[in-house]
Amino acid sequence: MPDFRSLWRRLSKLDSKFKRVHVRVKTCAESIAFFGGGERERQTTEIAFNNLMTHEWDRHLANFKFQLVSVV
């Protein structure tokens, strides 16, 4: 059986990190637009989002495989 507890724990950490980055970008959006930093902030946000989505995919794949085995 996959370790869903650790998967959910990691998902929670990645989700909160992405939300912090997103809030920072929203808060500083005006200064980013006027004074630059757009590319750096975009990369930071994309990295956090991609890490979150990669983990989400791994978690769903583990759940799918477990469901296949548990049905049989």
PDB file of N, CA and C in Angstrom:
ATOM      1  N   MET A   1       0.844  -1.183   0.000  1.00  0.00           N
ATOM      2  CA  MET A   1       0.000   0.000   0.000  1.00  0.00           C
ATOM      3  C   MET A   1       0.889   1.245   0.000  1.00  0.00           C
ATOM      4  N   PRO A   2       0.590   2.203  -0.864  1.00  0.00           N
ATOM      5  CA  PRO A   2       1.388   3.439  -0.891  1.00  0.00           C
ATOM      6  C   PRO A   2       1.254   4.211   0.414  1.00  0.00           C
ATOM      7  N   ASP A   3       2.270   4.968   0.724  1.00  0.00           N
ATOM      8  CA  ASP A   3       2.264   5.772   1.945  1.00  0.00           C
ATOM      9  C   ASP A   3       1.530   7.083   1.674  1.00  0.00           C
ATOM     10  N   PHE A   4       0.207   7.034   1.759  1.00  0.00           N
ATOM     11  CA  PHE A   4      -0.600   8.212   1.449  1.00  0.00           C
ATOM     12  C   PHE A   4      -0.405   9.327   2.459  1.00  0.00           C
ATOM     13  N   ARG A   5      -0.048   8.976   3.687  1.00  0.00           N
ATOM     14  CA  ARG A   5       0.159  10.012   4.704  1.00  0.00           C
ATOM     15  C   ARG A   5       1.306  10.935   4.296  1.00  0.00           C
ATOM     16  N   SER A   6       2.410  10.358   3.867  1.00  0.00           N
ATOM     17  CA  SER A   6       3.539  11.204   3.458  1.00  0.00           C
ATOM     18  C   SER A   6       3.227  11.942   2.160  1.00  0.00           C
ATOM     19  N   LEU A   7       2.442  11.327   1.267  1.00  0.00           N
ATOM     20  CA  LEU A   7       2.050  12.012   0.041  1.00  0.00           C
ATOM     21  C   LEU A   7       1.200  13.242   0.352  1.00  0.00           C
ATOM     22  N   TRP A   8       0.250  13.100   1.275  1.00  0.00           N
ATOM     23  CA  TRP A   8      -0.600  14.234   1.637  1.00  0.00           C
ATOM     24  C   TRP A   8       0.200  15.306   2.369  1.00  0.00           C
ATOM     25  N   ARG A   9       1.153  14.879   3.218  1.00  0.00           N
ATOM     26  CA  ARG A   9       1.980  15.834   3.951  1.00  0.00           C
ATOM     27  C   ARG A   9       2.806  16.671   2.970  1.00  0.00           C
ATOM     28  N   ARG A  10       3.410  15.987   1.991  1.00  0.00           N
ATOM     29  CA  ARG A  10       4.215  16.705   0.995  1.00  0.00           C
ATOM     30  C   ARG A  10       3.331  17.608   0.136  1.00  0.00           C
ATOM     31  N   LEU A  11       2.142  17.133  -0.221  1.00  0.00           N
ATOM     32  CA  LEU A  11       1.214  17.958  -0.995  1.00  0.00           C
ATOM     33  C   LEU A  11       0.865  19.228  -0.232  1.00  0.00           C
ATOM     34  N   SER A  12       0.625  19.098   1.048  1.00  0.00           N
ATOM     35  CA  SER A  12       0.281  20.254   1.869  1.00  0.00           C
ATOM     36  C   SER A  12       1.426  21.269   1.904  1.00  0.00           C
ATOM     37  N   LYS A  13       2.651  20.780   2.050  1.00  0.00           N
ATOM     38  CA  LYS A  13       3.807  21.678   2.076  1.00  0.00           C
ATOM     39  C   LYS A  13       3.981  22.387   0.741  1.00  0.00           C
ATOM     40  N   LEU A  14       3.869  21.642  -0.359  1.00  0.00           N
ATOM     41  CA  LEU A  14       4.037  22.248  -1.678  1.00  0.00           C
ATOM     42  C   LEU A  14       2.919  23.237  -1.980  1.00  0.00           C
ATOM     43  N   ASP A  15       1.697  22.894  -1.583  1.00  0.00           N
ATOM     44  CA  ASP A  15       0.562  23.782  -1.808  1.00  0.00           C
ATOM     45  C   ASP A  15       0.733  25.079  -1.028  1.00  0.00           C
ATOM     46  N   SER A  16       1.158  24.987   0.230  1.00  0.00           N
ATOM     47  CA  SER A  16       1.340  26.208   1.019  1.00  0.00           C
ATOM     48  C   SER A  16       2.486  27.049   0.471  1.00  0.00           C
ATOM     49  N   LYS A  17       3.553  26.408  -0.027  1.00  0.00           N
ATOM     50  CA  LYS A  17       4.656  27.162  -0.622  1.00  0.00           C
ATOM     51  C   LYS A  17       4.178  27.903  -1.868  1.00  0.00           C
ATOM     52  N   PHE A  18       3.407  27.227  -2.712  1.00  0.00           N
ATOM     53  CA  PHE A  18       2.878  27.883  -3.911  1.00  0.00           C
ATOM     54  C   PHE A  18       1.966  29.039  -3.542  1.00  0.00           C
ATOM     55  N   LYS A  19       1.110  28.849  -2.548  1.00  0.00           N
ATOM     56  CA  LYS A  19       0.208  29.928  -2.136  1.00  0.00           C
ATOM     57  C   LYS A  19       0.982  31.126  -1.600  1.00  0.00           C
ATOM     58  N   ARG A  20       2.073  30.886  -0.835  1.00  0.00           N
ATOM     59  CA  ARG A  20       2.896  31.993  -0.340  1.00  0.00           C
ATOM     60  C   ARG A  20       3.519  32.763  -1.492  1.00  0.00           C
ATOM     61  N   VAL A  21       4.060  32.033  -2.482  1.00  0.00           N
ATOM     62  CA  VAL A  21       4.661  32.693  -3.644  1.00  0.00           C
ATOM     63  C   VAL A  21       3.602  33.474  -4.403  1.00  0.00           C
ATOM     64  N   HIS A  22       2.426  32.890  -4.577  1.00  0.00           N
ATOM     65  CA  HIS A  22       1.349  33.549  -5.309  1.00  0.00           C
ATOM     66  C   HIS A  22       0.903  34.818  -4.590  1.00  0.00           C
ATOM     67  N   VAL A  23       0.777  34.760  -3.285  1.00  0.00           N
ATOM     68  CA  VAL A  23       0.380  35.951  -2.514  1.00  0.00           C
ATOM     69  C   VAL A  23       1.453  37.029  -2.625  1.00  0.00           C
ATOM     70  N   ARG A  24       2.724  36.612  -2.582  1.00  0.00           N
ATOM     71  CA  ARG A  24       3.815  37.588  -2.708  1.00  0.00           C
ATOM     72  C   ARG A  24       3.763  38.282  -4.059  1.00  0.00           C
ATOM     73  N   VAL A  25       3.503  37.523  -5.107  1.00  0.00           N
ATOM     74  CA  VAL A  25       3.421  38.113  -6.447  1.00  0.00           C
ATOM     75  C   VAL A  25       2.218  39.049  -6.535  1.00  0.00           C
ATOM     76  N   LYS A  26       1.080  38.634  -5.992  1.00  0.00           N
ATOM     77  CA  LYS A  26      -0.102  39.502  -6.029  1.00  0.00           C
ATOM     78  C   LYS A  26       0.120  40.780  -5.225  1.00  0.00           C
ATOM     79  N   THR A  27       0.787  40.665  -4.085  1.00  0.00           N
ATOM     80  CA  THR A  27       1.030  41.822  -3.238  1.00  0.00           C
ATOM     81  C   THR A  27       1.990  42.809  -3.903  1.00  0.00           C
ATOM     82  N   CYS A  28       3.001  42.278  -4.553  1.00  0.00           N
ATOM     83  CA  CYS A  28       4.035  43.120  -5.163  1.00  0.00           C
ATOM     84  C   CYS A  28       3.807  43.343  -6.649  1.00  0.00           C
ATOM     85  N   ALA A  29       2.636  43.051  -7.148  1.00  0.00           N
ATOM     86  CA  ALA A  29       2.382  43.110  -8.593  1.00  0.00           C
ATOM     87  C   ALA A  29       2.646  44.492  -9.173  1.00  0.00           C
ATOM     88  N   GLU A  30       2.246  45.518  -8.478  1.00  0.00           N
ATOM     89  CA  GLU A  30       2.434  46.864  -9.010  1.00  0.00           C
ATOM     90  C   GLU A  30       3.914  47.218  -9.100  1.00  0.00           C
ATOM     91  N   SER A  31       4.656  46.942  -8.034  1.00  0.00           N
ATOM     92  CA  SER A  31       6.086  47.257  -8.078  1.00  0.00           C
ATOM     93  C   SER A  31       6.818  46.362  -9.066  1.00  0.00           C
ATOM     94  N   ILE A  32       6.378  45.123  -9.220  1.00  0.00           N
ATOM     95  CA  ILE A  32       6.982  44.227 -10.209  1.00  0.00           C
ATOM     96  C   ILE A  32       6.735  44.782 -11.609  1.00  0.00           C
ATOM     97  N   ALA A  33       5.525  45.252 -11.849  1.00  0.00           N
ATOM     98  CA  ALA A  33       5.181  45.779 -13.171  1.00  0.00           C
ATOM     99  C   ALA A  33       5.971  47.051 -13.492  1.00  0.00           C
ATOM    100  N   PHE A  34       6.150  47.916 -12.496  1.00  0.00           N
ATOM    101  CA  PHE A  34       6.813  49.184 -12.756  1.00  0.00           C
ATOM    102  C   PHE A  34       8.334  49.120 -12.678  1.00  0.00           C
ATOM    103  N   PHE A  35       8.859  48.274 -11.792  1.00  0.00           N
ATOM    104  CA  PHE A  35      10.298  48.278 -11.529  1.00  0.00           C
ATOM    105  C   PHE A  35      11.009  46.998 -11.930  1.00  0.00           C
ATOM    106  N   GLY A  36      10.368  46.145 -12.693  1.00  0.00           N
ATOM    107  CA  GLY A  36      11.013  44.906 -13.150  1.00  0.00           C
ATOM    108  C   GLY A  36      10.809  43.780 -12.157  1.00  0.00           C
ATOM    109  N   GLY A  37      11.598  42.739 -12.315  1.00  0.00           N
ATOM    110  CA  GLY A  37      11.444  41.575 -11.453  1.00  0.00           C
ATOM    111  C   GLY A  37      10.414  40.611 -11.990  1.00  0.00           C
ATOM    112  N   GLY A  38       9.797  40.957 -13.102  1.00  0.00           N
ATOM    113  CA  GLY A  38       8.745  40.114 -13.644  1.00  0.00           C
ATOM    114  C   GLY A  38       9.231  38.731 -14.031  1.00  0.00           C
ATOM    115  N   GLU A  39      10.367  38.661 -14.708  1.00  0.00           N
ATOM    116  CA  GLU A  39      10.893  37.371 -15.147  1.00  0.00           C
ATOM    117  C   GLU A  39      11.313  36.517 -13.949  1.00  0.00           C
ATOM    118  N   ARG A  40      11.969  37.129 -12.989  1.00  0.00           N
ATOM    119  CA  ARG A  40      12.410  36.395 -11.797  1.00  0.00           C
ATOM    120  C   ARG A  40      11.205  35.884 -10.999  1.00  0.00           C
ATOM    121  N   GLU A  41      10.219  36.730 -10.816  1.00  0.00           N
ATOM    122  CA  GLU A  41       9.021  36.316 -10.084  1.00  0.00           C
ATOM    123  C   GLU A  41       8.251  35.253 -10.857  1.00  0.00           C
ATOM    124  N   ARG A  42       8.190  35.389 -12.183  1.00  0.00           N
ATOM    125  CA  ARG A  42       7.496  34.389 -12.991  1.00  0.00           C
ATOM    126  C   ARG A  42       8.172  33.033 -12.862  1.00  0.00           C
ATOM    127  N   GLN A  43       9.499  33.021 -12.903  1.00  0.00           N
ATOM    128  CA  GLN A  43      10.226  31.762 -12.768  1.00  0.00           C
ATOM    129  C   GLN A  43      10.007  31.133 -11.396  1.00  0.00           C
ATOM    130  N   THR A  44      10.042  31.962 -10.360  1.00  0.00           N
ATOM    131  CA  THR A  44       9.818  31.452  -9.001  1.00  0.00           C
ATOM    132  C   THR A  44       8.432  30.846  -8.875  1.00  0.00           C
ATOM    133  N   THR A  45       7.437  31.541  -9.412  1.00  0.00           N
ATOM    134  CA  THR A  45       6.067  31.045  -9.350  1.00  0.00           C
ATOM    135  C   THR A  45       5.900  29.777 -10.173  1.00  0.00           C
ATOM    136  N   GLU A  46       6.479  29.745 -11.365  1.00  0.00           N
ATOM    137  CA  GLU A  46       6.362  28.555 -12.208  1.00  0.00           C
ATOM    138  C   GLU A  46       7.042  27.345 -11.589  1.00  0.00           C
ATOM    139  N   ILE A  47       8.187  27.543 -10.958  1.00  0.00           N
ATOM    140  CA  ILE A  47       8.879  26.428 -10.306  1.00  0.00           C
ATOM    141  C   ILE A  47       8.019  25.862  -9.180  1.00  0.00           C
ATOM    142  N   ALA A  48       7.461  26.738  -8.343  1.00  0.00           N
ATOM    143  CA  ALA A  48       6.613  26.274  -7.243  1.00  0.00           C
ATOM    144  C   ALA A  48       5.376  25.559  -7.786  1.00  0.00           C
ATOM    145  N   PHE A  49       4.762  26.115  -8.820  1.00  0.00           N
ATOM    146  CA  PHE A  49       3.566  25.502  -9.403  1.00  0.00           C
ATOM    147  C   PHE A  49       3.901  24.154 -10.039  1.00  0.00           C
ATOM    148  N   ASN A  50       5.006  24.081 -10.790  1.00  0.00           N
ATOM    149  CA  ASN A  50       5.391  22.815 -11.422  1.00  0.00           C
ATOM    150  C   ASN A  50       5.726  21.742 -10.393  1.00  0.00           C
ATOM    151  N   ASN A  51       6.383  22.119  -9.296  1.00  0.00           N
ATOM    152  CA  ASN A  51       6.651  21.149  -8.229  1.00  0.00           C
ATOM    153  C   ASN A  51       5.349  20.620  -7.643  1.00  0.00           C
ATOM    154  N   LEU A  52       4.403  21.521  -7.423  1.00  0.00           N
ATOM    155  CA  LEU A  52       3.102  21.122  -6.891  1.00  0.00           C
ATOM    156  C   LEU A  52       2.371  20.191  -7.846  1.00  0.00           C
ATOM    157  N   MET A  53       2.347  20.528  -9.130  1.00  0.00           N
ATOM    158  CA  MET A  53       1.619  19.712 -10.097  1.00  0.00           C
ATOM    159  C   MET A  53       2.299  18.355 -10.325  1.00  0.00           C
ATOM    160  N   THR A  54       3.624  18.321 -10.300  1.00  0.00           N
ATOM    161  CA  THR A  54       4.339  17.047 -10.431  1.00  0.00           C
ATOM    162  C   THR A  54       3.996  16.130  -9.270  1.00  0.00           C
ATOM    163  N   HIS A  55       3.990  16.683  -8.073  1.00  0.00           N
ATOM    164  CA  HIS A  55       3.630  15.866  -6.915  1.00  0.00           C
ATOM    165  C   HIS A  55       2.171  15.416  -6.988  1.00  0.00           C
ATOM    166  N   GLU A  56       1.296  16.315  -7.409  1.00  0.00           N
ATOM    167  CA  GLU A  56      -0.127  15.969  -7.553  1.00  0.00           C
ATOM    168  C   GLU A  56      -0.283  14.804  -8.535  1.00  0.00           C
ATOM    169  N   TRP A  57       0.434  14.844  -9.643  1.00  0.00           N
ATOM    170  CA  TRP A  57       0.389  13.765 -10.628  1.00  0.00           C
ATOM    171  C   TRP A  57       0.877  12.456  -9.994  1.00  0.00           C
ATOM    172  N   ASP A  58       1.972  12.501  -9.258  1.00  0.00           N
ATOM    173  CA  ASP A  58       2.508  11.302  -8.605  1.00  0.00           C
ATOM    174  C   ASP A  58       1.499  10.731  -7.610  1.00  0.00           C
ATOM    175  N   ARG A  59       0.851  11.621  -6.856  1.00  0.00           N
ATOM    176  CA  ARG A  59      -0.129  11.167  -5.857  1.00  0.00           C
ATOM    177  C   ARG A  59      -1.329  10.515  -6.539  1.00  0.00           C
ATOM    178  N   HIS A  60      -1.823  11.113  -7.604  1.00  0.00           N
ATOM    179  CA  HIS A  60      -2.960  10.535  -8.317  1.00  0.00           C
ATOM    180  C   HIS A  60      -2.592   9.208  -8.984  1.00  0.00           C
ATOM    181  N   LEU A  61      -1.395   9.118  -9.506  1.00  0.00           N
ATOM    182  CA  LEU A  61      -0.937   7.870 -10.114  1.00  0.00           C
ATOM    183  C   LEU A  61      -0.837   6.757  -9.072  1.00  0.00           C
ATOM    184  N   ALA A  62      -0.289   7.073  -7.891  1.00  0.00           N
ATOM    185  CA  ALA A  62      -0.205   6.076  -6.820  1.00  0.00           C
ATOM    186  C   ALA A  62      -1.600   5.643  -6.392  1.00  0.00           C
ATOM    187  N   ASN A  63      -2.515   6.586  -6.275  1.00  0.00           N
ATOM    188  CA  ASN A  63      -3.888   6.267  -5.893  1.00  0.00           C
ATOM    189  C   ASN A  63      -4.560   5.394  -6.957  1.00  0.00           C
ATOM    190  N   PHE A  64      -4.346   5.708  -8.237  1.00  0.00           N
ATOM    191  CA  PHE A  64      -4.918   4.932  -9.327  1.00  0.00           C
ATOM    192  C   PHE A  64      -4.415   3.488  -9.300  1.00  0.00           C
ATOM    193  N   LYS A  65      -3.098   3.330  -9.152  1.00  0.00           N
ATOM    194  CA  LYS A  65      -2.517   1.987  -9.106  1.00  0.00           C
ATOM    195  C   LYS A  65      -3.039   1.206  -7.901  1.00  0.00           C
ATOM    196  N   PHE A  66      -3.152   1.877  -6.757  1.00  0.00           N
ATOM    197  CA  PHE A  66      -3.671   1.214  -5.563  1.00  0.00           C
ATOM    198  C   PHE A  66      -5.121   0.781  -5.764  1.00  0.00           C
ATOM    199  N   GLN A  67      -5.921   1.627  -6.409  1.00  0.00           N
ATOM    200  CA  GLN A  67      -7.314   1.281  -6.663  1.00  0.00           C
ATOM    201  C   GLN A  67      -7.431   0.073  -7.589  1.00  0.00           C
ATOM    202  N   LEU A  68      -6.563  -0.004  -8.600  1.00  0.00           N
ATOM    203  CA  LEU A  68      -6.560  -1.162  -9.491  1.00  0.00           C
ATOM    204  C   LEU A  68      -6.272  -2.442  -8.733  1.00  0.00           C
ATOM    205  N   VAL A  69      -5.299  -2.411  -7.851  1.00  0.00           N
ATOM    206  CA  VAL A  69      -4.908  -3.590  -7.096  1.00  0.00           C
ATOM    207  C   VAL A  69      -5.969  -3.958  -6.068  1.00  0.00           C
ATOM    208  N   SER A  70      -6.577  -2.959  -5.425  1.00  0.00           N
ATOM    209  CA  SER A  70      -7.552  -3.241  -4.364  1.00  0.00           C
ATOM    210  C   SER A  70      -8.850  -3.785  -4.914  1.00  0.00           C
ATOM    211  N   VAL A  71      -9.178  -3.500  -6.172  1.00  0.00           N
ATOM    212  CA  VAL A  71     -10.409  -3.993  -6.773  1.00  0.00           C
ATOM    213  C   VAL A  71     -10.281  -5.480  -7.084  1.00  0.00           C
ATOM    214  N   VAL A  72      -9.104  -5.877  -7.496  1.00  0.00           N
ATOM    215  CA  VAL A  72      -8.885  -7.266  -7.923  1.00  0.00           C
ATOM    216  C   VAL A  72      -8.852  -8.178  -6.762  1.00  0.00           C
TER     217      VAL A  72
END
